[in-house]
Amino acid sequence: MLEILSLIRQDGDPNWCRSVPNWDRGPWLETLLGYRRARGNARPRIISSHLPVQMFPKAFFGSKAKV
């Protein structure tokens, strides 16, 4: 899924996918390092998570984020 979203974000150009590691393109939200990395990434951000939906912040559901 991360590869597909990365390609969509870059209009199908695979150079970004080949040059930037997964943890920089779609950091995990549930780790402190991933959270900090995600906040520093350019928008639109790709954020990965293995959290159950019940553990997401309530503000997430009122945002314009796509899941």
N, C-alpha and C. Protein backbone atom coordinates (compact mmCIF):
# COMPACT_ATOMS: atom_id res chain seq x y z
N MET A 1 0.82 -1.18 0.00
CA MET A 1 0.00 0.00 0.00
C MET A 1 0.87 1.25 0.00
N LEU A 2 1.96 1.20 0.76
CA LEU A 2 2.85 2.36 0.82
C LEU A 2 3.44 2.67 -0.56
N GLU A 3 3.81 1.64 -1.30
CA GLU A 3 4.36 1.85 -2.64
C GLU A 3 3.33 2.49 -3.55
N ILE A 4 2.11 2.01 -3.50
CA ILE A 4 1.04 2.55 -4.35
C ILE A 4 0.78 4.01 -4.00
N LEU A 5 0.65 4.31 -2.70
CA LEU A 5 0.39 5.69 -2.29
C LEU A 5 1.56 6.62 -2.65
N SER A 6 2.77 6.10 -2.52
CA SER A 6 3.95 6.90 -2.88
C SER A 6 3.94 7.23 -4.38
N LEU A 7 3.59 6.25 -5.20
CA LEU A 7 3.52 6.50 -6.64
C LEU A 7 2.40 7.49 -6.98
N ILE A 8 1.27 7.36 -6.33
CA ILE A 8 0.17 8.31 -6.56
C ILE A 8 0.61 9.72 -6.19
N ARG A 9 1.28 9.84 -5.05
CA ARG A 9 1.73 11.16 -4.59
C ARG A 9 2.71 11.80 -5.57
N GLN A 10 3.51 10.98 -6.24
CA GLN A 10 4.53 11.48 -7.16
C GLN A 10 4.09 11.38 -8.62
N ASP A 11 2.78 11.26 -8.87
CA ASP A 11 2.24 11.18 -10.23
C ASP A 11 2.86 10.05 -11.04
N GLY A 12 3.11 8.92 -10.39
CA GLY A 12 3.61 7.74 -11.07
C GLY A 12 5.12 7.69 -11.27
N ASP A 13 5.84 8.71 -10.82
CA ASP A 13 7.30 8.73 -10.98
C ASP A 13 7.94 7.87 -9.88
N PRO A 14 8.62 6.76 -10.24
CA PRO A 14 9.16 5.86 -9.23
C PRO A 14 10.47 6.32 -8.60
N ASN A 15 11.04 7.42 -9.03
CA ASN A 15 12.33 7.87 -8.49
C ASN A 15 12.28 8.12 -6.99
N TRP A 16 11.21 8.72 -6.51
CA TRP A 16 11.08 9.00 -5.07
C TRP A 16 11.02 7.69 -4.29
N CYS A 17 10.27 6.72 -4.80
CA CYS A 17 10.15 5.42 -4.13
C CYS A 17 11.50 4.71 -4.07
N ARG A 18 12.29 4.87 -5.09
CA ARG A 18 13.59 4.21 -5.15
C ARG A 18 14.65 4.91 -4.29
N SER A 19 14.50 6.19 -4.09
CA SER A 19 15.54 6.95 -3.41
C SER A 19 15.26 7.24 -1.94
N VAL A 20 14.01 7.14 -1.50
CA VAL A 20 13.65 7.45 -0.11
C VAL A 20 13.16 6.15 0.56
N PRO A 21 13.76 5.76 1.69
CA PRO A 21 13.35 4.52 2.36
C PRO A 21 11.89 4.59 2.86
N ASN A 22 11.31 3.42 3.05
CA ASN A 22 9.92 3.32 3.51
C ASN A 22 9.67 4.12 4.78
N TRP A 23 10.58 4.03 5.76
CA TRP A 23 10.34 4.69 7.05
C TRP A 23 10.36 6.20 6.94
N ASP A 24 10.93 6.75 5.86
CA ASP A 24 10.87 8.20 5.64
C ASP A 24 9.61 8.59 4.86
N ARG A 25 9.18 7.73 3.94
CA ARG A 25 7.99 8.04 3.13
C ARG A 25 6.71 7.86 3.92
N GLY A 26 6.63 6.82 4.73
CA GLY A 26 5.41 6.54 5.50
C GLY A 26 5.74 6.08 6.90
N PRO A 27 6.22 6.99 7.75
CA PRO A 27 6.62 6.59 9.11
C PRO A 27 5.43 6.08 9.93
N TRP A 28 5.74 5.22 10.90
CA TRP A 28 4.71 4.66 11.78
C TRP A 28 4.30 5.68 12.82
N LEU A 29 3.03 5.91 12.92
CA LEU A 29 2.48 6.89 13.85
C LEU A 29 2.69 6.48 15.30
N GLU A 30 2.71 5.17 15.59
CA GLU A 30 2.75 4.72 16.97
C GLU A 30 4.13 4.75 17.62
N THR A 31 5.15 5.12 16.88
CA THR A 31 6.48 5.27 17.47
C THR A 31 6.82 6.74 17.60
N LEU A 32 7.60 7.08 18.60
CA LEU A 32 7.97 8.48 18.80
C LEU A 32 8.79 9.01 17.61
N LEU A 33 9.74 8.21 17.15
CA LEU A 33 10.54 8.62 16.00
C LEU A 33 9.66 8.78 14.76
N GLY A 34 8.74 7.85 14.55
CA GLY A 34 7.83 7.93 13.41
C GLY A 34 6.93 9.15 13.48
N TYR A 35 6.43 9.44 14.67
CA TYR A 35 5.57 10.61 14.87
C TYR A 35 6.33 11.90 14.53
N ARG A 36 7.56 11.99 15.03
CA ARG A 36 8.36 13.19 14.75
C ARG A 36 8.68 13.30 13.26
N ARG A 37 8.99 12.18 12.65
CA ARG A 37 9.31 12.17 11.23
C ARG A 37 8.08 12.56 10.40
N ALA A 38 6.93 12.04 10.78
CA ALA A 38 5.70 12.34 10.06
C ALA A 38 5.36 13.83 10.13
N ARG A 39 5.55 14.42 11.30
CA ARG A 39 5.27 15.86 11.44
C ARG A 39 6.18 16.71 10.57
N GLY A 40 7.39 16.23 10.31
CA GLY A 40 8.34 16.98 9.51
C GLY A 40 8.21 16.75 8.01
N ASN A 41 7.44 15.73 7.62
CA ASN A 41 7.28 15.45 6.19
C ASN A 41 6.39 16.49 5.52
N ALA A 42 6.66 16.71 4.24
CA ALA A 42 5.86 17.66 3.46
C ALA A 42 4.44 17.11 3.26
N ARG A 43 3.51 18.00 3.14
CA ARG A 43 2.12 17.61 2.88
C ARG A 43 1.91 17.42 1.40
N PRO A 44 1.06 16.54 0.99
CA PRO A 44 0.26 15.61 1.79
C PRO A 44 1.15 14.51 2.34
N ARG A 45 0.94 14.18 3.59
CA ARG A 45 1.77 13.18 4.28
C ARG A 45 1.19 11.79 4.09
N ILE A 46 2.09 10.84 4.08
CA ILE A 46 1.70 9.43 4.14
C ILE A 46 2.16 8.94 5.51
N ILE A 47 1.23 8.41 6.28
CA ILE A 47 1.55 7.93 7.62
C ILE A 47 1.04 6.50 7.74
N SER A 48 1.90 5.62 8.21
CA SER A 48 1.54 4.21 8.42
C SER A 48 1.18 3.99 9.89
N SER A 49 0.33 3.00 10.12
CA SER A 49 -0.01 2.65 11.49
C SER A 49 -0.55 1.23 11.54
N HIS A 50 -0.28 0.57 12.65
CA HIS A 50 -0.86 -0.73 12.93
C HIS A 50 -1.80 -0.66 14.13
N LEU A 51 -2.14 0.56 14.53
CA LEU A 51 -3.05 0.74 15.66
C LEU A 51 -4.47 0.36 15.27
N PRO A 52 -5.24 -0.21 16.20
CA PRO A 52 -6.66 -0.42 15.93
C PRO A 52 -7.35 0.95 15.86
N VAL A 53 -8.38 1.02 15.07
CA VAL A 53 -9.06 2.29 14.83
C VAL A 53 -9.57 2.91 16.14
N GLN A 54 -9.86 2.10 17.15
CA GLN A 54 -10.35 2.61 18.43
C GLN A 54 -9.30 3.43 19.17
N MET A 55 -8.04 3.26 18.82
CA MET A 55 -6.97 3.97 19.52
C MET A 55 -6.56 5.26 18.83
N PHE A 56 -7.14 5.56 17.69
CA PHE A 56 -6.84 6.82 17.00
C PHE A 56 -7.46 7.98 17.76
N PRO A 57 -6.82 9.15 17.74
CA PRO A 57 -7.39 10.31 18.43
C PRO A 57 -8.74 10.69 17.82
N LYS A 58 -9.62 11.18 18.66
CA LYS A 58 -10.96 11.57 18.18
C LYS A 58 -10.88 12.65 17.10
N ALA A 59 -9.90 13.53 17.18
CA ALA A 59 -9.74 14.61 16.20
C ALA A 59 -9.49 14.06 14.81
N PHE A 60 -8.92 12.86 14.73
CA PHE A 60 -8.62 12.25 13.43
C PHE A 60 -9.90 12.07 12.62
N PHE A 61 -10.98 11.68 13.27
CA PHE A 61 -12.21 11.38 12.56
C PHE A 61 -12.94 12.63 12.08
N GLY A 62 -12.59 13.78 12.62
CA GLY A 62 -13.17 15.04 12.16
C GLY A 62 -12.29 15.75 11.16
N SER A 63 -11.15 15.15 10.82
CA SER A 63 -10.22 15.80 9.91
C SER A 63 -10.51 15.41 8.46
N LYS A 64 -9.71 15.94 7.56
CA LYS A 64 -9.86 15.63 6.14
C LYS A 64 -8.94 14.50 5.70
N ALA A 65 -8.36 13.78 6.67
CA ALA A 65 -7.44 12.68 6.38
C ALA A 65 -8.16 11.58 5.60
N LYS A 66 -7.43 10.96 4.71
CA LYS A 66 -7.98 9.85 3.94
C LYS A 66 -7.38 8.57 4.49
N VAL A 67 -8.22 7.57 4.62
CA VAL A 67 -7.79 6.30 5.19
C VAL A 67 -7.97 5.21 4.16
